[in-house]
Each structure stands twice: as C-alpha cells, then as structure tokens.
Protein backbone atom coordinates (compact mmCIF):
# COMPACT_ATOMS: atom_id res chain seq x y z
CA UNK A 1 -0.03 0.06 -0.02
CA UNK A 2 1.31 3.50 -0.95
CA UNK A 3 4.92 2.11 -1.59
CA UNK A 4 5.47 4.56 -4.23
CA UNK A 5 5.64 7.31 -1.76
CA UNK A 6 8.73 5.99 -0.10
CA UNK A 7 12.04 6.56 -2.00
CA UNK A 8 13.98 4.17 0.10
CA UNK A 9 11.77 1.24 -0.95
CA UNK A 10 12.96 1.56 -4.42
CA UNK A 11 16.28 0.00 -3.36
CA UNK A 12 14.44 -3.36 -2.92
CA UNK A 13 15.00 -3.34 0.84
CA UNK A 14 12.60 -5.52 2.74
CA UNK A 15 12.00 -3.62 5.99
CA UNK A 16 10.47 -5.41 8.80
CA UNK A 17 11.63 -3.40 11.63
CA UNK A 18 8.80 -0.90 11.88
CA UNK A 19 8.50 -1.16 15.61
CA UNK A 20 12.06 0.40 15.92
CA UNK A 21 11.25 3.24 13.31
CA UNK A 22 9.27 3.75 10.29
CA UNK A 23 10.20 4.78 6.82
CA UNK A 24 9.49 8.36 5.82
CA UNK A 25 7.28 9.19 2.82
CA UNK A 26 8.21 11.81 0.34
CA UNK A 27 5.49 14.15 1.77
CA UNK A 28 7.38 14.27 5.03
CA UNK A 29 10.79 14.50 3.59
CA UNK A 30 9.74 17.39 1.28
CA UNK A 31 8.09 19.27 4.09
CA UNK A 32 11.30 19.27 6.05
CA UNK A 33 13.35 20.21 3.00
CA UNK A 34 11.11 23.20 2.38
CA UNK A 35 11.76 24.49 5.85
CA UNK A 36 15.48 24.28 5.50
CA UNK A 37 15.57 25.72 1.95
CA UNK A 38 12.72 28.19 1.74
CA UNK A 39 11.92 29.74 5.10
CA UNK A 40 14.38 28.77 7.69
CA UNK A 41 14.06 30.93 10.90
CA UNK A 42 13.72 30.35 14.64
CA UNK A 43 10.29 29.94 16.13
CA UNK A 44 8.57 32.53 18.45
CA UNK A 45 11.54 34.81 18.18
CA UNK A 46 11.37 37.17 15.19
CA UNK A 47 9.14 39.86 13.69
CA UNK A 48 10.01 39.26 10.04
CA UNK A 49 8.22 37.31 7.43
CA UNK A 50 10.13 34.03 7.55
CA UNK A 51 9.99 33.85 11.35
CA UNK A 52 6.25 34.59 11.36
CA UNK A 53 5.76 31.74 8.70
CA UNK A 54 7.64 29.43 10.91
CA UNK A 55 5.53 30.34 13.90
CA UNK A 56 2.46 29.53 11.82
CA UNK A 57 3.76 26.21 10.64
CA UNK A 58 4.89 25.17 14.05
CA UNK A 59 1.63 26.00 15.85
CA UNK A 60 -0.46 24.46 13.03
CA UNK A 61 1.17 21.11 13.97
CA UNK A 62 0.16 21.56 17.49
CA UNK A 63 -3.42 22.06 16.37
CA UNK A 64 -3.06 18.94 14.05
CA UNK A 65 -1.81 16.81 16.92
CA UNK A 66 -4.64 18.11 19.21
CA UNK A 67 -7.18 16.95 16.71
CA UNK A 68 -5.32 13.69 15.93
CA UNK A 69 -5.58 12.50 19.55
CA UNK A 70 -8.69 14.47 20.45
CA UNK A 71 -7.17 16.57 23.19
CA UNK A 72 -9.35 19.41 24.58
CA UNK A 73 -6.92 22.30 24.18
CA UNK A 74 -3.65 23.43 22.59
CA UNK A 75 -2.11 23.95 25.86
CA UNK A 76 -2.24 20.12 26.37
CA UNK A 77 0.21 19.50 23.55
CA UNK A 78 3.93 19.82 24.37
CA UNK A 79 6.59 19.14 21.89
CA UNK A 80 9.55 17.02 23.10
CA UNK A 81 12.43 15.06 21.69
CA UNK A 82 10.42 11.89 21.82
CA UNK A 83 8.71 9.35 24.08
CA UNK A 84 11.75 9.00 26.36
CA UNK A 85 11.89 12.78 27.19
CA UNK A 86 8.10 12.89 27.47
CA UNK A 87 8.13 10.07 30.10
CA UNK A 88 10.96 11.58 31.92
CA UNK A 89 9.12 14.86 32.12
CA UNK A 90 6.04 13.21 33.34
CA UNK A 91 7.72 11.02 36.00
CA UNK A 92 10.41 13.48 37.23
CA UNK A 93 8.45 16.67 36.59
CA UNK A 94 4.96 15.68 38.03
CA UNK A 95 5.16 12.38 39.70
CA UNK A 96 8.14 13.44 41.92
CA UNK A 97 5.79 15.92 43.73
CA UNK A 98 2.65 13.86 43.44
CA UNK A 99 3.74 10.50 44.78
CA UNK A 100 4.56 9.85 48.34
CA UNK A 101 6.25 7.04 50.40
CA UNK A 102 3.95 4.07 50.53
CA UNK A 103 2.06 4.86 47.27
CA UNK A 104 1.84 2.17 44.56
CA UNK A 105 2.39 2.47 40.80
CA UNK A 106 1.26 -0.29 38.54
CA UNK A 107 3.30 -1.36 35.50
CA UNK A 108 3.83 -4.57 33.54
CA UNK A 109 7.01 -6.54 32.86
CA UNK A 110 6.55 -6.13 29.21
CA UNK A 111 6.96 -2.32 29.13
CA UNK A 112 9.54 -0.51 27.23
CA UNK A 113 12.57 0.70 29.19
CA UNK A 114 11.31 4.38 28.97
CA UNK A 115 8.17 3.39 30.83
CA UNK A 116 10.16 1.40 33.49
CA UNK A 117 13.53 2.81 34.32
CA UNK A 118 12.31 6.43 35.20
CA UNK A 119 9.81 4.79 37.55
CA UNK A 120 12.37 2.63 39.24
CA UNK A 121 14.79 5.55 39.51
CA UNK A 122 12.11 7.83 41.16
CA UNK A 123 10.86 5.01 43.48
CA UNK A 124 14.30 4.80 45.07
CA UNK A 125 14.11 8.43 45.81
CA UNK A 126 10.52 8.81 46.94
CA UNK A 127 9.87 5.39 48.50
CA UNK A 128 6.64 4.46 46.53
CA UNK A 129 6.11 0.79 45.48
CA UNK A 130 6.10 -0.52 41.94
CA UNK A 131 3.69 -3.40 41.30
CA UNK A 132 3.62 -5.52 38.20
CA UNK A 133 0.24 -6.51 36.79
CA UNK A 134 0.07 -10.17 36.14
CA UNK A 135 -0.14 -11.08 32.38
CA UNK A 136 -2.11 -13.94 30.85
CA UNK A 137 -0.56 -17.08 29.26
CA UNK A 138 -0.43 -15.03 25.95
CA UNK A 139 1.38 -12.23 27.91
CA UNK A 140 -1.54 -9.91 27.62
CA UNK A 141 -3.18 -7.46 30.04
CA UNK A 142 -6.80 -7.98 31.17
CA UNK A 143 -8.96 -5.66 33.03
CA UNK A 144 -9.60 -8.39 35.60
CA UNK A 145 -5.80 -8.66 36.35
CA UNK A 146 -5.67 -4.85 36.62
CA UNK A 147 -8.34 -4.95 39.18
CA UNK A 148 -6.70 -7.60 41.20
CA UNK A 149 -3.58 -5.53 41.36
CA UNK A 150 -5.27 -2.29 42.50
CA UNK A 151 -5.22 -1.45 46.20
CA UNK A 152 -6.26 1.65 48.15
CA UNK A 153 -2.56 2.71 47.83
CA UNK A 154 -2.60 2.72 44.05
CA UNK A 155 -2.07 6.25 42.62
CA UNK A 156 -0.90 5.59 39.13
CA UNK A 157 -1.26 2.97 36.29
CA UNK A 158 1.30 3.43 33.50
CA UNK A 159 1.03 1.16 30.43
CA UNK A 160 1.78 0.85 26.73
CA UNK A 161 -1.11 0.92 24.34
CA UNK A 162 0.72 -1.67 22.20
CA UNK A 163 3.90 -3.16 23.58
CA UNK A 164 6.93 -3.21 21.26
CA UNK A 165 7.95 -6.72 21.87
CA UNK A 166 4.84 -8.81 22.38
CA UNK A 167 2.64 -6.51 20.40
CA UNK A 168 -0.52 -6.94 22.46
CA UNK A 169 -3.24 -4.27 22.27
CA UNK A 170 -4.21 -3.34 25.71
CA UNK A 171 -7.97 -2.60 26.56
CA UNK A 172 -7.12 1.01 27.40
CA UNK A 173 -10.65 2.35 27.32
CA UNK A 174 -11.76 -0.02 29.96
CA UNK A 175 -8.62 0.55 32.03
CA UNK A 176 -9.05 4.34 31.68
CA UNK A 177 -12.58 4.14 32.79
CA UNK A 178 -11.43 2.14 35.86
CA UNK A 179 -8.93 4.64 36.70
CA UNK A 180 -11.45 7.35 36.62
CA UNK A 181 -13.71 5.32 38.99
CA UNK A 182 -10.82 4.71 41.41
CA UNK A 183 -9.30 8.25 41.14
CA UNK A 184 -6.04 6.85 39.72
CA UNK A 185 -3.93 8.64 37.18
CA UNK A 186 -3.62 6.75 33.85
CA UNK A 187 -0.41 7.21 31.91
CA UNK A 188 -0.37 5.94 28.45
CA UNK A 189 2.70 5.06 26.21
CA UNK A 190 1.34 5.50 22.68
CA UNK A 191 4.73 5.08 20.99
CA UNK A 192 3.90 1.79 19.22
CA UNK A 193 0.22 2.61 18.64
CA UNK A 194 0.22 6.21 17.46
CA UNK A 195 0.91 5.26 13.78
CA UNK A 196 -1.35 2.27 13.77
CA UNK A 197 -4.51 2.95 15.67
CA UNK A 198 -6.95 5.78 16.43
CA UNK A 199 -6.34 7.43 19.78
CA UNK A 200 -8.74 9.39 21.72
CA UNK A 201 -7.40 10.75 25.03
CA UNK A 202 -10.74 11.96 26.23
CA UNK A 203 -12.53 8.67 25.39
CA UNK A 204 -9.58 6.72 27.16
CA UNK A 205 -9.49 9.04 30.15
CA UNK A 206 -5.68 9.63 29.68
CA UNK A 207 -4.03 11.68 32.35
CA UNK A 208 -0.64 11.88 30.53
CA UNK A 209 0.60 10.34 27.23
CA UNK A 210 3.86 10.29 25.35
CA UNK A 211 4.82 9.24 21.76
CA UNK A 212 7.57 9.73 19.08
CA UNK A 213 7.14 10.98 15.57
CA UNK A 214 9.64 8.61 14.09
CA UNK A 215 7.35 5.61 14.80
CA UNK A 216 4.48 7.27 12.84
CA UNK A 217 6.38 8.19 9.51
CA UNK A 218 7.84 11.29 11.00
CA UNK A 219 11.47 12.38 11.67
CA UNK A 220 13.64 11.31 14.61
CA UNK A 221 14.34 13.58 17.53
CA UNK A 222 10.75 14.86 18.06
CA UNK A 223 7.68 13.73 19.84
CA UNK A 224 4.75 14.72 21.98
CA UNK A 225 3.82 15.02 25.72
CA UNK A 226 0.19 15.22 26.24
CA UNK A 227 -1.33 15.89 29.63
CA UNK A 228 -4.66 17.09 30.93
CA UNK A 229 -4.38 20.87 31.40
CA UNK A 230 -4.87 20.91 35.08
CA UNK A 231 -2.11 18.31 35.56
CA UNK A 232 0.38 19.88 33.16
CA UNK A 233 -0.05 23.18 35.13
CA UNK A 234 1.48 21.37 37.96
CA UNK A 235 4.39 19.87 36.17
CA UNK A 236 7.75 21.29 37.07
CA UNK A 237 9.95 22.01 33.94
CA UNK A 238 13.12 20.01 33.77
CA UNK A 239 14.70 22.50 31.57
CA UNK A 240 15.05 26.24 31.87
CA UNK A 241 16.07 28.86 29.35
CA UNK A 242 15.11 30.77 26.40
CA UNK A 243 11.44 30.70 25.12
CA UNK A 244 9.91 29.50 28.28
CA UNK A 245 10.23 32.64 30.59
CA UNK A 246 8.45 36.01 30.63
CA UNK A 247 11.22 37.76 32.62
CA UNK A 248 14.05 37.24 35.01
CA UNK A 249 16.37 39.57 37.05
CA UNK A 250 19.60 39.59 38.89
CA UNK A 251 17.54 39.57 42.23
CA UNK A 252 16.72 35.88 41.34
CA UNK A 253 13.09 36.67 40.46
CA UNK A 254 11.67 35.04 37.28
CA UNK A 255 8.25 34.46 35.74
CA UNK A 256 7.59 31.57 33.41
CA UNK A 257 5.21 31.59 30.42
CA UNK A 258 1.94 29.72 30.41
CA UNK A 259 1.36 26.22 28.76
CA UNK A 260 2.72 24.93 26.55
CA UNK A 261 5.62 27.26 26.03
CA UNK A 262 6.87 26.99 29.64
CA UNK A 263 7.69 23.32 29.04
CA UNK A 264 9.37 23.98 25.66
CA UNK A 265 12.70 25.60 26.73
CA UNK A 266 15.25 26.53 24.07
CA UNK A 267 15.02 26.24 20.30
CA UNK A 268 12.86 23.18 19.53
CA UNK A 269 13.40 20.70 16.63
CA UNK A 270 11.40 23.01 14.35
CA UNK A 271 12.06 20.99 11.20
CA UNK A 272 11.08 17.82 12.99
CA UNK A 273 7.79 19.31 14.42
CA UNK A 274 6.86 20.48 10.94
CA UNK A 275 7.74 17.05 9.50
CA UNK A 276 5.56 15.38 12.24
CA UNK A 277 2.69 17.56 11.02
CA UNK A 278 3.13 16.22 7.51
CA UNK A 279 3.09 12.69 8.84
CA UNK A 280 -0.17 13.36 10.73
CA UNK A 281 -1.68 14.62 7.39
CA UNK A 282 -0.36 11.53 5.64
CA UNK A 283 -1.72 8.99 8.10
CA UNK A 284 -5.13 10.72 8.08
CA UNK A 285 -5.25 10.61 4.25
CA UNK A 286 -4.70 6.73 4.24
CA UNK A 287 -7.06 6.21 7.33
CA UNK A 288 -6.16 4.72 10.69
CA UNK A 289 -8.68 1.94 10.42
CA UNK A 290 -7.53 1.00 6.89
CA UNK A 291 -3.84 0.73 8.16
CA UNK A 292 -4.85 -1.48 11.07
CA UNK A 293 -6.99 -3.87 9.01
CA UNK A 294 -4.23 -4.12 6.51
CA UNK A 295 -1.62 -5.00 9.12
CA UNK A 296 -3.81 -7.65 10.71
CA UNK A 297 -4.40 -9.27 7.33
CA UNK A 298 -0.69 -9.17 6.55
CA UNK A 299 0.13 -10.69 10.04
CA UNK A 300 -2.31 -13.53 9.42
CA UNK A 301 -0.59 -14.30 6.22
CA UNK A 302 2.83 -14.15 7.92
CA UNK A 303 1.87 -16.58 10.69
CA UNK A 304 0.50 -19.06 8.07
CA UNK A 305 3.67 -18.87 6.13
CA UNK A 306 6.12 -19.06 9.26
CA UNK A 307 4.37 -22.33 10.25
CA UNK A 308 5.92 -23.91 7.17
CA UNK A 309 9.38 -23.39 8.59
CA UNK A 310 10.96 -26.22 10.62
CA UNK A 311 12.02 -25.95 14.21
CA UNK A 312 10.50 -22.42 14.58
CA UNK A 313 8.86 -21.02 17.80
CA UNK A 314 6.37 -18.24 17.58
CA UNK A 315 5.66 -16.43 20.76
CA UNK A 316 2.70 -14.17 20.09
CA UNK A 317 0.45 -15.54 17.33
CA UNK A 318 -2.70 -14.24 18.97
CA UNK A 319 -1.94 -10.51 19.40
CA UNK A 320 -3.81 -7.85 17.45
CA UNK A 321 -0.97 -5.88 16.10
CA UNK A 322 1.61 -6.22 13.31
CA UNK A 323 4.37 -7.24 15.79
CA UNK A 324 5.61 -10.86 15.86
CA UNK A 325 8.33 -12.66 17.84
CA UNK A 326 10.03 -15.85 16.83
CA UNK A 327 13.15 -17.99 17.14
CA UNK A 328 14.67 -20.70 15.11
CA UNK A 329 15.54 -23.47 17.62
CA UNK A 330 19.04 -24.19 16.23
CA UNK A 331 20.18 -20.55 15.94
CA UNK A 332 20.91 -17.51 18.01
CA UNK A 333 18.46 -14.68 17.13
CA UNK A 334 21.18 -12.21 16.05
CA UNK A 335 22.72 -14.91 13.69
CA UNK A 336 19.37 -15.18 12.01
CA UNK A 337 19.16 -11.33 11.58
CA UNK A 338 22.55 -11.30 10.10
CA UNK A 339 21.88 -14.02 7.76
CA UNK A 340 18.61 -12.30 6.57
CA UNK A 341 20.55 -9.12 6.03
CA UNK A 342 22.41 -10.91 3.20
CA UNK A 343 19.14 -10.69 1.39
CA UNK A 344 18.37 -7.16 2.27
CA UNK A 345 15.65 -8.39 4.77
CA UNK A 346 15.68 -6.11 7.93
CA UNK A 347 14.37 -7.63 11.25
CA UNK A 348 15.18 -6.86 14.86
CA UNK A 349 17.05 -9.33 17.04
CA UNK A 350 17.53 -8.98 20.82
CA UNK A 351 15.44 -8.08 23.81
CA UNK A 352 13.72 -5.05 22.19
CA UNK A 353 14.37 -2.69 25.19
CA UNK A 354 11.85 -4.86 27.16
CA UNK A 355 14.46 -6.62 29.39
CA UNK A 356 12.03 -7.78 32.02
CA UNK A 357 10.03 -9.79 29.49
CA UNK A 358 12.66 -12.59 29.53
CA UNK A 359 11.47 -13.30 33.07
CA UNK A 360 8.08 -14.30 31.55
CA UNK A 361 8.91 -16.03 28.16
CA UNK A 362 12.22 -17.52 29.65
CA UNK A 363 14.07 -16.43 26.45
CA UNK A 364 16.51 -13.50 26.62
CA UNK A 365 16.71 -12.82 22.81
CA UNK A 366 14.14 -13.22 20.02
CA UNK A 367 13.74 -12.23 16.41
CA UNK A 368 11.08 -9.58 15.88
CA UNK A 369 9.17 -8.86 12.65
CA UNK A 370 7.04 -5.63 12.78
CA UNK A 371 4.80 -4.84 9.90
CA UNK A 372 3.46 -1.71 8.42
CA UNK A 373 1.14 -0.68 5.55
CA UNK A 374 3.92 -0.53 3.00
CA UNK A 375 4.95 -4.21 3.58
CA UNK A 376 3.50 -6.88 1.17
CA UNK A 377 2.78 -10.55 1.02
CA UNK A 378 5.38 -10.83 -1.68
CA UNK A 379 8.02 -9.66 0.87
CA UNK A 380 6.82 -12.25 3.29
CA UNK A 381 7.13 -14.93 0.66
CA UNK A 382 10.65 -13.87 0.04
CA UNK A 383 11.39 -14.12 3.90
CA UNK A 384 9.97 -17.63 4.08
CA UNK A 385 11.96 -18.74 1.01
CA UNK A 386 15.17 -17.59 2.69
CA UNK A 387 14.30 -19.02 6.15
CA UNK A 388 13.56 -22.43 4.56
CA UNK A 389 17.18 -22.46 3.56
CA UNK A 390 18.29 -21.90 7.24
CA UNK A 391 21.06 -24.55 7.08
CA UNK A 392 23.08 -21.79 5.50
CA UNK A 393 22.72 -19.49 8.37
CA UNK A 394 26.11 -20.30 10.00
CA UNK A 395 27.81 -20.42 6.50
CA UNK A 396 26.87 -16.77 5.97
CA UNK A 397 28.48 -15.82 9.31
CA UNK A 398 31.96 -17.03 8.38
C-alpha cells in the first residue's frame, strides 16, 4: 500500500523493523526540506516574514496533533524530543511531587525501558512501590488482572497501548474508565500505537501520554507530551532557558510563560515538528482503520507462512498488532538477523528494550518482525523462501 511514496523502498530493501522506526514518505521529507531551503528561521523569536511563517507552521502542527488525539486544548500538547523525554518529564516533573512514600504505581513486565527505568529511579528516591500487573498465558493485560492489582494505595497505572515486543493491544478504554472510577492517574505510552490505531485521550481518560514522531512516519528527535491541562499546570519544567520565561532579573526573580511554552525551553526541533505535522496529514489521508486492518491481514498471512518453517517457535500468534516474535531453535536470534541481512531483509534481534520480558517468556533474545502498511505478502514470501534455507545461516556468518 502506497509504496510509491517511499523513496527508500525503491532500493528493494525488505523492511520488517517498523517497531524500531518507520520509513519516511516523500511528503514528510519534502516538508522538512522546504523549511530548510525556503523559510528557515527560529520559532517565536522574530518579527520578520520567515519567522512569522515558521510560527504559523509550528503552531499549526500543535493543532493537528490536538485533533489527531482528540485533546481538549492546544495547551495540552507539548513538543519534546520523543517518548523518552516525554516520560521523563511526566515522571520527574510531575510524579516526583505527586507520589509519596507508601504509594503504589502499577506497570507490567513487558513495558519498554522508557516506561520502567524512570519509575524505578524515582521510586528509590521517593519510596513508593512498583507493582507489576500479572499477564495472561499469552502475555496480555486484562481488566480483571488490573483490578486484582489495584489497592487503596494505587495512585498511578502506566501502560503501553501496544507493547513493542509482544505487540499486544491493551484494553485501554476500560482501564481508563477504571482509573477514573478509582481516582487513579492513567499514563499511556502510545509510542507503538500512534501510527497504527486511532487514539482518543478523552475517550480513554488519559492523564498523561507520550509518543515519538519517528514511529508514525515522521522524523527522529521529536515527539509529544500530552497531559490534561490541570495536571500539566503542576508539572515542574526539567529545562530552563530561552522561550519559556516572561522575565528574570539579577535579584533571582523570574516569571515563566503559560502552557505549553513553559515546557518547551530553548530552540525546539522545528524541522522535526513540521515534519511530524506532514506525517499526521499523511496518516489521516490513508485512514487509521484501513492501516490497522491491512496490518492484521498481513500478520495472519505471515503466521501462516512461518508455520511452514521447521524448528520455529512463535511467541505471540494471537496479538492484534503487526508485531511478531519468533526464534529458530538451532540458531541465536542475532545470527538469524545477520543471515537475513544478506538478502536485504531487515528484522530486529535482541530483547527489544523490554528486558524484564525474559522473566516471563524464559528467553533472553528473540527475532522480531514488525509490519506496516507498505509491507507486502510478496515480501513475506521472500522471507519464507530464505528461512527455509536456514542450514546456510552459519555459512553466511563465516
């Protein structure tokens, strides 16, 4: 689907690592080039035409993102460097003053590092407890297991919408409603879902959310922090500098700007933000439902074909996303990835930044295939053809 829009695909690369980052369509690339070649200027700094044009383009993206995730106001959209920065801002800028010793935060062992490590770090300083929601035999989250984990001390539930390793789609609307009933803050990691599913932060009762542009066809180094306005007002900036203050003096007095500017210190990744806006436009032109349906059909075909391979273990056949983990019993996952690279087939091998997951699946390293709408059944056929000749894996490593 839409393969002609991606210049890199003309090199006959077979790219199955979309959970790590996605390819960039010409529309996104050209929008970034336009900024650098036609109207480069800083944002919110100048009173000349190019600068005012940059202001307009930059803020137009904020409005696009607001509509894309159905936020209630522009003040709820903060541009960041990506999910990792967004979650560090949420956890160290807000949770550090919200959580107290003895409180509980609920996570799962299949979360990405950016939704675990900051929590662990802060817990050591504050003294709150991290509890891990039990997963099903398919490594999925259920509302019932969330309810079992909640106690009167539970203050926050922080979960991925889609996990980057198992690829399970969480029932976030029901979990969000449960959080509302129990007066629990709901933090959502939308990094893996933002380019694949419709997201409605109001419908899902999301308190805070983070995502990265590069996993939704946009450039690297830019992302979004969403927060309900009343919560963002309490978030302490982690960076101080130009663009986020009204005034400061030698007496030590200073006044910060209102949201969202007070959380966007310094010169932002302007080209990245503008490129992200083009990515939002592109996704909406295709349609999020169409993208999801295509991925599920492609994954169904992938599983069918992988079952033809001897000595293969598939770990997540039943999840409702385009992510699939497997291992060939006789070979280390990275050896498989290096072998496939000989045929310009790109997959991910390792623990996929979900290092606690090995405690559950009892395997430290797996091969990951992550699909997107520009992948095809013909590419899957090529993958199967190469894997059926797996006796040559070690030969290719010599």
